[in-house]
Amino acid sequence: MIGPDGKEVSPSHKNARYTVQMSGLKNADSKWNVPEGLPVGGIIYGGRDSDTSNPVREAYSWAHGVCTMGATLESETTAATIGAEGVRVWNVMSNMDFLSMSVGRYINNNLEFAKDIKRPKVFGTNYFIKKDGQYLNGKLDKSVWVKWMDLRVYGEAEALDAAYGLIPVYEDLKQLFSQVLNQEYTEQDYIDQFTVRIPELLAKQERMEKIFADVEELPEAFNTEMAAQTERLKKLQAEKGDYISPFDLDPA
């Protein structure tokens, strides 16, 4: 269809969504709607950035995940937002617009929530990492990242220490891409996606320090986790440089 200005008009907005019923999915778990509920093995915080975070990583602990993945979550603006695209915006746990309390108190509530229960693993995802302006993740790749997270919950996959979380080993991803998507996953794919970008990660640490300097009721655990992460990143940088191939990382 051609619009009044002579340009082609797509049938839907480029950021359009759709929904389906769970009962219509062939791979839906048979227990997905049991009244007594199911144990939660993992929680995912999904940010959106083009130059900093790997596609998937696992937190070292509940507190590490809440503080350095959820509380510091950033996303670059997209076509779904008003204004310019690609602007980096801080949005604590993607929930800022719905907070009825201070950010500090909200973070503390999240830390306390799992205090007396078996804590789920915490994961951070970023499906929007780019190289030379091109996305490094395919739209279906997230099925592999989710499968890796599932394997980690059950202790069935190895991991490497990336100083800001645990990332997959190449052999596991190569197998998963073959099994889940019937695709080849090359060593270069792995390097491009999972290189640890120390300068960008430290820049984010600095941005968060400035933002949280004015946050009221901030729990001390947040400062502790952030300081420890900065120290780990700087130590890794001193040992292995600014941009570190995942093949050069140590096992977790």
C-alpha atoms as a PDB file:
ATOM      1  CA  MET A   1       0.000   0.000   0.000  1.00  0.00           C
ATOM      2  CA  ILE A   2       1.264   3.461  -0.905  1.00  0.00           C
ATOM      3  CA  GLY A   3       0.454   6.415   1.330  1.00  0.00           C
ATOM      4  CA  PRO A   4      -0.461   9.978   0.326  1.00  0.00           C
ATOM      5  CA  ASP A   5       3.220  10.949   0.478  1.00  0.00           C
ATOM      6  CA  GLY A   6       4.108   8.260  -2.065  1.00  0.00           C
ATOM      7  CA  LYS A   7       5.861   6.049   0.497  1.00  0.00           C
ATOM      8  CA  GLU A   8       4.963   2.430   1.186  1.00  0.00           C
ATOM      9  CA  VAL A   9       2.814   1.894   4.283  1.00  0.00           C
ATOM     10  CA  SER A  10       3.354  -1.368   6.182  1.00  0.00           C
ATOM     11  CA  PRO A  11       0.299  -3.337   7.397  1.00  0.00           C
ATOM     12  CA  SER A  12       1.364  -2.855  11.026  1.00  0.00           C
ATOM     13  CA  HIS A  13       3.611  -0.687  13.157  1.00  0.00           C
ATOM     14  CA  LYS A  14       7.209  -1.895  13.106  1.00  0.00           C
ATOM     15  CA  ASN A  15       7.044  -2.453  16.868  1.00  0.00           C
ATOM     16  CA  ALA A  16       3.624  -4.148  16.824  1.00  0.00           C
ATOM     17  CA  ARG A  17       2.862  -7.034  19.209  1.00  0.00           C
ATOM     18  CA  TYR A  18       0.437  -9.939  19.218  1.00  0.00           C
ATOM     19  CA  THR A  19      -0.825 -12.353  21.850  1.00  0.00           C
ATOM     20  CA  VAL A  20      -1.918 -15.984  21.822  1.00  0.00           C
ATOM     21  CA  GLN A  21      -3.650 -18.246  24.320  1.00  0.00           C
ATOM     22  CA  MET A  22      -1.366 -20.530  26.320  1.00  0.00           C
ATOM     23  CA  SER A  23      -3.762 -23.402  25.632  1.00  0.00           C
ATOM     24  CA  GLY A  24      -3.052 -23.024  21.939  1.00  0.00           C
ATOM     25  CA  LEU A  25       0.683 -23.690  22.284  1.00  0.00           C
ATOM     26  CA  LYS A  26       1.733 -27.266  21.570  1.00  0.00           C
ATOM     27  CA  ASN A  27       4.812 -26.940  23.792  1.00  0.00           C
ATOM     28  CA  ALA A  28       2.991 -25.441  26.785  1.00  0.00           C
ATOM     29  CA  ASP A  29       3.705 -27.331  29.999  1.00  0.00           C
ATOM     30  CA  SER A  30       0.718 -29.390  31.097  1.00  0.00           C
ATOM     31  CA  LYS A  31       1.000 -27.846  34.578  1.00  0.00           C
ATOM     32  CA  TRP A  32       1.193 -24.214  33.464  1.00  0.00           C
ATOM     33  CA  ASN A  33      -2.120 -23.317  35.124  1.00  0.00           C
ATOM     34  CA  VAL A  34      -2.274 -25.545  38.210  1.00  0.00           C
ATOM     35  CA  PRO A  35      -3.975 -23.706  41.125  1.00  0.00           C
ATOM     36  CA  GLU A  36      -1.237 -24.505  43.644  1.00  0.00           C
ATOM     37  CA  GLY A  37       1.410 -22.875  41.491  1.00  0.00           C
ATOM     38  CA  LEU A  38       4.875 -24.054  40.514  1.00  0.00           C
ATOM     39  CA  PRO A  39       8.361 -23.390  41.908  1.00  0.00           C
ATOM     40  CA  VAL A  40      10.243 -20.566  40.205  1.00  0.00           C
ATOM     41  CA  GLY A  41      13.692 -21.631  39.060  1.00  0.00           C
ATOM     42  CA  GLY A  42      14.826 -18.387  37.486  1.00  0.00           C
ATOM     43  CA  ILE A  43      13.992 -14.717  37.029  1.00  0.00           C
ATOM     44  CA  ILE A  44      15.029 -12.765  33.918  1.00  0.00           C
ATOM     45  CA  TYR A  45      15.787  -9.054  33.723  1.00  0.00           C
ATOM     46  CA  GLY A  46      15.879  -7.987  30.078  1.00  0.00           C
ATOM     47  CA  GLY A  47      17.671  -4.810  29.098  1.00  0.00           C
ATOM     48  CA  ARG A  48      18.198  -3.392  25.643  1.00  0.00           C
ATOM     49  CA  ASP A  49      21.566  -1.984  24.633  1.00  0.00           C
ATOM     50  CA  SER A  50      23.636  -2.069  21.476  1.00  0.00           C
ATOM     51  CA  ASP A  51      27.174  -2.042  22.832  1.00  0.00           C
ATOM     52  CA  THR A  52      27.566  -3.297  26.399  1.00  0.00           C
ATOM     53  CA  SER A  53      25.935  -6.476  27.688  1.00  0.00           C
ATOM     54  CA  ASN A  54      26.159 -10.037  26.372  1.00  0.00           C
ATOM     55  CA  PRO A  55      22.983 -11.787  25.175  1.00  0.00           C
ATOM     56  CA  VAL A  56      22.627 -13.759  28.408  1.00  0.00           C
ATOM     57  CA  ARG A  57      24.393 -14.012  31.744  1.00  0.00           C
ATOM     58  CA  GLU A  58      23.693 -15.449  35.182  1.00  0.00           C
ATOM     59  CA  ALA A  59      24.077 -13.545  38.432  1.00  0.00           C
ATOM     60  CA  TYR A  60      26.446 -14.763  41.118  1.00  0.00           C
ATOM     61  CA  SER A  61      23.707 -14.523  43.737  1.00  0.00           C
ATOM     62  CA  TRP A  62      20.209 -13.208  44.387  1.00  0.00           C
ATOM     63  CA  ALA A  63      21.587  -9.897  45.674  1.00  0.00           C
ATOM     64  CA  HIS A  64      23.974  -9.562  42.740  1.00  0.00           C
ATOM     65  CA  GLY A  65      21.127 -10.127  40.285  1.00  0.00           C
ATOM     66  CA  VAL A  66      18.672  -7.761  41.947  1.00  0.00           C
ATOM     67  CA  CYS A  67      21.235  -4.982  42.314  1.00  0.00           C
ATOM     68  CA  THR A  68      23.366  -5.167  39.160  1.00  0.00           C
ATOM     69  CA  MET A  69      20.831  -6.582  36.685  1.00  0.00           C
ATOM     70  CA  GLY A  70      17.406  -5.446  37.896  1.00  0.00           C
ATOM     71  CA  ALA A  71      18.079  -2.173  39.693  1.00  0.00           C
ATOM     72  CA  THR A  72      20.525  -0.871  37.073  1.00  0.00           C
ATOM     73  CA  LEU A  73      18.555  -1.991  34.036  1.00  0.00           C
ATOM     74  CA  GLU A  74      18.917   0.299  31.042  1.00  0.00           C
ATOM     75  CA  SER A  75      17.189   0.207  27.676  1.00  0.00           C
ATOM     76  CA  GLU A  76      17.732   2.177  24.508  1.00  0.00           C
ATOM     77  CA  THR A  77      14.543   3.762  23.202  1.00  0.00           C
ATOM     78  CA  THR A  78      12.798   2.116  20.240  1.00  0.00           C
ATOM     79  CA  ALA A  79      10.009   2.885  17.812  1.00  0.00           C
ATOM     80  CA  ALA A  80       7.555   2.101  20.623  1.00  0.00           C
ATOM     81  CA  THR A  81       8.576   5.231  22.534  1.00  0.00           C
ATOM     82  CA  ILE A  82       8.004   8.913  21.902  1.00  0.00           C
ATOM     83  CA  GLY A  83      11.081  10.840  20.834  1.00  0.00           C
ATOM     84  CA  ALA A  84      14.419   9.822  19.392  1.00  0.00           C
ATOM     85  CA  GLU A  85      15.361   6.150  19.069  1.00  0.00           C
ATOM     86  CA  GLY A  86      18.565   4.769  20.580  1.00  0.00           C
ATOM     87  CA  VAL A  87      18.628   6.958  23.702  1.00  0.00           C
ATOM     88  CA  ARG A  88      19.792   5.034  26.792  1.00  0.00           C
ATOM     89  CA  VAL A  89      17.238   5.234  29.624  1.00  0.00           C
ATOM     90  CA  TRP A  90      17.544   3.863  33.167  1.00  0.00           C
ATOM     91  CA  ASN A  91      14.414   2.005  34.264  1.00  0.00           C
ATOM     92  CA  VAL A  92      14.720   0.005  37.476  1.00  0.00           C
ATOM     93  CA  MET A  93      13.484  -3.517  36.730  1.00  0.00           C
ATOM     94  CA  SER A  94      11.475  -2.043  33.804  1.00  0.00           C
ATOM     95  CA  ASN A  95       8.990  -0.928  36.425  1.00  0.00           C
ATOM     96  CA  MET A  96       9.774   2.723  37.130  1.00  0.00           C
ATOM     97  CA  ASP A  97       6.418   4.048  35.940  1.00  0.00           C
ATOM     98  CA  PHE A  98       4.583   1.849  38.420  1.00  0.00           C
ATOM     99  CA  LEU A  99       6.546   2.436  41.626  1.00  0.00           C
ATOM    100  CA  SER A 100       4.528   3.683  44.592  1.00  0.00           C
ATOM    101  CA  MET A 101       7.584   4.099  46.821  1.00  0.00           C
ATOM    102  CA  SER A 102      11.193   5.233  46.627  1.00  0.00           C
ATOM    103  CA  VAL A 103      13.562   3.317  44.355  1.00  0.00           C
ATOM    104  CA  GLY A 104      15.728   2.457  47.347  1.00  0.00           C
ATOM    105  CA  ARG A 105      12.853   0.942  49.278  1.00  0.00           C
ATOM    106  CA  TYR A 106      11.702  -0.961  46.191  1.00  0.00           C
ATOM    107  CA  ILE A 107      15.160  -2.487  45.738  1.00  0.00           C
ATOM    108  CA  ASN A 108      15.266  -3.438  49.402  1.00  0.00           C
ATOM    109  CA  ASN A 109      11.841  -5.095  49.140  1.00  0.00           C
ATOM    110  CA  ASN A 110      13.145  -7.197  46.268  1.00  0.00           C
ATOM    111  CA  LEU A 111      16.214  -8.199  48.267  1.00  0.00           C
ATOM    112  CA  GLU A 112      14.074  -9.151  51.266  1.00  0.00           C
ATOM    113  CA  PHE A 113      11.492 -11.007  49.184  1.00  0.00           C
ATOM    114  CA  ALA A 114      13.636 -14.122  48.819  1.00  0.00           C
ATOM    115  CA  LYS A 115      15.300 -13.895  52.220  1.00  0.00           C
ATOM    116  CA  ASP A 116      13.633 -16.960  53.710  1.00  0.00           C
ATOM    117  CA  ILE A 117      13.005 -19.094  50.620  1.00  0.00           C
ATOM    118  CA  LYS A 118      15.064 -21.023  48.113  1.00  0.00           C
ATOM    119  CA  ARG A 119      16.234 -18.206  45.887  1.00  0.00           C
ATOM    120  CA  PRO A 120      15.640 -18.509  42.147  1.00  0.00           C
ATOM    121  CA  LYS A 121      18.625 -17.946  39.910  1.00  0.00           C
ATOM    122  CA  VAL A 122      18.730 -14.487  38.347  1.00  0.00           C
ATOM    123  CA  PHE A 123      19.606 -13.866  34.706  1.00  0.00           C
ATOM    124  CA  GLY A 124      20.199 -10.790  32.597  1.00  0.00           C
ATOM    125  CA  THR A 125      19.461 -10.730  28.875  1.00  0.00           C
ATOM    126  CA  ASN A 126      20.194  -8.373  26.005  1.00  0.00           C
ATOM    127  CA  TYR A 127      18.898  -9.333  22.573  1.00  0.00           C
ATOM    128  CA  PHE A 128      19.994  -6.049  20.985  1.00  0.00           C
ATOM    129  CA  ILE A 129      23.806  -6.165  20.936  1.00  0.00           C
ATOM    130  CA  LYS A 130      25.218  -4.949  17.610  1.00  0.00           C
ATOM    131  CA  LYS A 131      28.406  -5.050  15.566  1.00  0.00           C
ATOM    132  CA  ASP A 132      28.964  -2.572  12.733  1.00  0.00           C
ATOM    133  CA  GLY A 133      25.348  -1.496  13.085  1.00  0.00           C
ATOM    134  CA  GLN A 134      23.951  -5.014  12.638  1.00  0.00           C
ATOM    135  CA  TYR A 135      22.188  -7.046  15.325  1.00  0.00           C
ATOM    136  CA  LEU A 136      24.174 -10.061  16.500  1.00  0.00           C
ATOM    137  CA  ASN A 137      21.059 -11.877  17.772  1.00  0.00           C
ATOM    138  CA  GLY A 138      18.521 -13.424  15.452  1.00  0.00           C
ATOM    139  CA  LYS A 139      14.878 -13.143  16.508  1.00  0.00           C
ATOM    140  CA  LEU A 140      14.739 -16.847  17.344  1.00  0.00           C
ATOM    141  CA  ASP A 141      18.056 -16.942  19.198  1.00  0.00           C
ATOM    142  CA  LYS A 142      16.322 -16.122  22.473  1.00  0.00           C
ATOM    143  CA  SER A 143      14.976 -19.684  22.482  1.00  0.00           C
ATOM    144  CA  VAL A 144      18.589 -20.823  22.847  1.00  0.00           C
ATOM    145  CA  TRP A 145      19.344 -18.326  25.615  1.00  0.00           C
ATOM    146  CA  VAL A 146      16.235 -19.420  27.526  1.00  0.00           C
ATOM    147  CA  LYS A 147      17.168 -23.081  27.078  1.00  0.00           C
ATOM    148  CA  TRP A 148      20.650 -22.338  28.446  1.00  0.00           C
ATOM    149  CA  MET A 149      19.095 -20.641  31.474  1.00  0.00           C
ATOM    150  CA  ASP A 150      16.909 -23.691  32.018  1.00  0.00           C
ATOM    151  CA  LEU A 151      19.953 -25.956  31.906  1.00  0.00           C
ATOM    152  CA  ARG A 152      21.721 -23.727  34.435  1.00  0.00           C
ATOM    153  CA  VAL A 153      18.755 -23.925  36.810  1.00  0.00           C
ATOM    154  CA  TYR A 154      19.109 -27.698  36.803  1.00  0.00           C
ATOM    155  CA  GLY A 155      22.913 -27.694  36.905  1.00  0.00           C
ATOM    156  CA  GLU A 156      23.224 -29.187  33.416  1.00  0.00           C
ATOM    157  CA  ALA A 157      25.432 -26.571  31.721  1.00  0.00           C
ATOM    158  CA  GLU A 158      28.849 -25.102  32.439  1.00  0.00           C
ATOM    159  CA  ALA A 159      29.664 -21.390  32.684  1.00  0.00           C
ATOM    160  CA  LEU A 160      32.537 -18.912  32.472  1.00  0.00           C
ATOM    161  CA  ASP A 161      33.227 -16.017  34.838  1.00  0.00           C
ATOM    162  CA  ALA A 162      32.835 -12.710  32.955  1.00  0.00           C
ATOM    163  CA  ALA A 163      33.324 -10.510  36.061  1.00  0.00           C
ATOM    164  CA  TYR A 164      29.776  -9.143  35.829  1.00  0.00           C
ATOM    165  CA  GLY A 165      28.097 -12.550  35.723  1.00  0.00           C
ATOM    166  CA  LEU A 166      28.415 -16.070  34.359  1.00  0.00           C
ATOM    167  CA  ILE A 167      28.164 -16.692  30.618  1.00  0.00           C
ATOM    168  CA  PRO A 168      27.779 -19.867  28.515  1.00  0.00           C
ATOM    169  CA  VAL A 169      30.671 -21.949  27.231  1.00  0.00           C
ATOM    170  CA  TYR A 170      30.945 -22.335  23.465  1.00  0.00           C
ATOM    171  CA  GLU A 171      30.404 -26.104  23.343  1.00  0.00           C
ATOM    172  CA  ASP A 172      27.013 -25.834  25.075  1.00  0.00           C
ATOM    173  CA  LEU A 173      25.788 -23.095  22.749  1.00  0.00           C
ATOM    174  CA  LYS A 174      27.003 -24.907  19.657  1.00  0.00           C
ATOM    175  CA  GLN A 175      24.983 -27.936  20.721  1.00  0.00           C
ATOM    176  CA  LEU A 176      21.914 -25.894  21.649  1.00  0.00           C
ATOM    177  CA  PHE A 177      21.833 -23.973  18.372  1.00  0.00           C
ATOM    178  CA  SER A 178      21.947 -27.288  16.551  1.00  0.00           C
ATOM    179  CA  GLN A 179      19.268 -28.928  18.713  1.00  0.00           C
ATOM    180  CA  VAL A 180      16.882 -26.000  19.127  1.00  0.00           C
ATOM    181  CA  LEU A 181      17.225 -24.118  15.833  1.00  0.00           C
ATOM    182  CA  ASN A 182      19.026 -26.600  13.587  1.00  0.00           C
ATOM    183  CA  GLN A 183      21.632 -23.910  12.965  1.00  0.00           C
ATOM    184  CA  GLU A 184      25.403 -23.807  12.958  1.00  0.00           C
ATOM    185  CA  TYR A 185      26.908 -21.647  15.676  1.00  0.00           C
ATOM    186  CA  THR A 186      30.477 -20.661  14.880  1.00  0.00           C
ATOM    187  CA  GLU A 187      33.313 -19.647  17.143  1.00  0.00           C
ATOM    188  CA  GLN A 188      33.196 -16.201  15.544  1.00  0.00           C
ATOM    189  CA  ASP A 189      29.493 -15.899  16.425  1.00  0.00           C
ATOM    190  CA  TYR A 190      30.405 -16.712  20.005  1.00  0.00           C
ATOM    191  CA  ILE A 191      33.264 -14.215  20.138  1.00  0.00           C
ATOM    192  CA  ASP A 192      31.146 -11.433  18.639  1.00  0.00           C
ATOM    193  CA  GLN A 193      28.287 -11.983  21.061  1.00  0.00           C
ATOM    194  CA  PHE A 194      30.113 -12.822  24.269  1.00  0.00           C
ATOM    195  CA  THR A 195      33.251 -10.695  24.221  1.00  0.00           C
ATOM    196  CA  VAL A 196      33.425  -8.879  27.563  1.00  0.00           C
ATOM    197  CA  ARG A 197      33.433  -5.151  26.813  1.00  0.00           C
ATOM    198  CA  ILE A 198      35.177  -3.720  29.871  1.00  0.00           C
ATOM    199  CA  PRO A 199      35.171   0.012  28.933  1.00  0.00           C
ATOM    200  CA  GLU A 200      31.451  -0.012  28.230  1.00  0.00           C
ATOM    201  CA  LEU A 201      30.690  -2.013  31.373  1.00  0.00           C
ATOM    202  CA  LEU A 202      32.723   0.363  33.526  1.00  0.00           C
ATOM    203  CA  ALA A 203      31.019   3.325  31.874  1.00  0.00           C
ATOM    204  CA  LYS A 204      27.677   1.863  32.917  1.00  0.00           C
ATOM    205  CA  GLN A 205      28.971   1.416  36.471  1.00  0.00           C
ATOM    206  CA  GLU A 206      29.879   5.116  36.520  1.00  0.00           C
ATOM    207  CA  ARG A 207      26.475   6.137  35.157  1.00  0.00           C
ATOM    208  CA  MET A 208      24.750   4.132  37.861  1.00  0.00           C
ATOM    209  CA  GLU A 209      26.934   5.573  40.608  1.00  0.00           C
ATOM    210  CA  LYS A 210      25.843   9.066  39.606  1.00  0.00           C
ATOM    211  CA  ILE A 211      22.178   8.096  39.389  1.00  0.00           C
ATOM    212  CA  PHE A 212      22.093   6.241  42.705  1.00  0.00           C
ATOM    213  CA  ALA A 213      23.982   8.945  44.580  1.00  0.00           C
ATOM    214  CA  ASP A 214      20.613  10.711  44.923  1.00  0.00           C
ATOM    215  CA  VAL A 215      18.417   7.666  45.565  1.00  0.00           C
ATOM    216  CA  GLU A 216      16.847   7.663  49.014  1.00  0.00           C
ATOM    217  CA  GLU A 217      16.529   4.608  51.287  1.00  0.00           C
ATOM    218  CA  LEU A 218      19.105   2.709  49.242  1.00  0.00           C
ATOM    219  CA  PRO A 219      20.108  -0.546  50.969  1.00  0.00           C
ATOM    220  CA  GLU A 220      23.801  -0.984  51.717  1.00  0.00           C
ATOM    221  CA  ALA A 221      23.737  -4.265  49.805  1.00  0.00           C
ATOM    222  CA  PHE A 222      23.377  -2.270  46.594  1.00  0.00           C
ATOM    223  CA  ASN A 223      26.570  -0.294  47.182  1.00  0.00           C
ATOM    224  CA  THR A 224      28.371  -3.463  48.219  1.00  0.00           C
ATOM    225  CA  GLU A 225      27.386  -5.348  45.056  1.00  0.00           C
ATOM    226  CA  MET A 226      28.208  -2.430  42.766  1.00  0.00           C
ATOM    227  CA  ALA A 227      31.617  -1.843  44.356  1.00  0.00           C
ATOM    228  CA  ALA A 228      32.450  -5.549  44.096  1.00  0.00           C
ATOM    229  CA  GLN A 229      31.450  -5.591  40.428  1.00  0.00           C
ATOM    230  CA  THR A 230      33.599  -2.570  39.595  1.00  0.00           C
ATOM    231  CA  GLU A 231      36.530  -4.199  41.369  1.00  0.00           C
ATOM    232  CA  ARG A 232      36.073  -7.467  39.439  1.00  0.00           C
ATOM    233  CA  LEU A 233      35.861  -5.660  36.103  1.00  0.00           C
ATOM    234  CA  LYS A 234      38.972  -3.572  36.770  1.00  0.00           C
ATOM    235  CA  LYS A 235      40.877  -6.661  37.898  1.00  0.00           C
ATOM    236  CA  LEU A 236      39.917  -8.526  34.724  1.00  0.00           C
ATOM    237  CA  GLN A 237      40.848  -5.483  32.646  1.00  0.00           C
ATOM    238  CA  ALA A 238      44.291  -5.321  34.266  1.00  0.00           C
ATOM    239  CA  GLU A 239      44.846  -9.012  33.593  1.00  0.00           C
ATOM    240  CA  LYS A 240      43.431  -9.388  30.074  1.00  0.00           C
ATOM    241  CA  GLY A 241      42.730  -6.000  28.493  1.00  0.00           C
ATOM    242  CA  ASP A 242      39.690  -3.961  27.460  1.00  0.00           C
ATOM    243  CA  TYR A 243      37.931  -6.460  25.191  1.00  0.00           C
ATOM    244  CA  ILE A 244      38.188 -10.064  26.248  1.00  0.00           C
ATOM    245  CA  SER A 245      37.258 -13.054  24.141  1.00  0.00           C
ATOM    246  CA  PRO A 246      35.101 -15.565  26.020  1.00  0.00           C
ATOM    247  CA  PHE A 247      37.696 -18.186  25.065  1.00  0.00           C
ATOM    248  CA  ASP A 248      40.119 -16.347  27.363  1.00  0.00           C
ATOM    249  CA  LEU A 249      37.855 -16.435  30.427  1.00  0.00           C
ATOM    250  CA  ASP A 250      38.202 -18.792  33.351  1.00  0.00           C
ATOM    251  CA  PRO A 251      35.577 -21.424  34.271  1.00  0.00           C
ATOM    252  CA  ALA A 252      33.144 -20.397  36.994  1.00  0.00           C
END
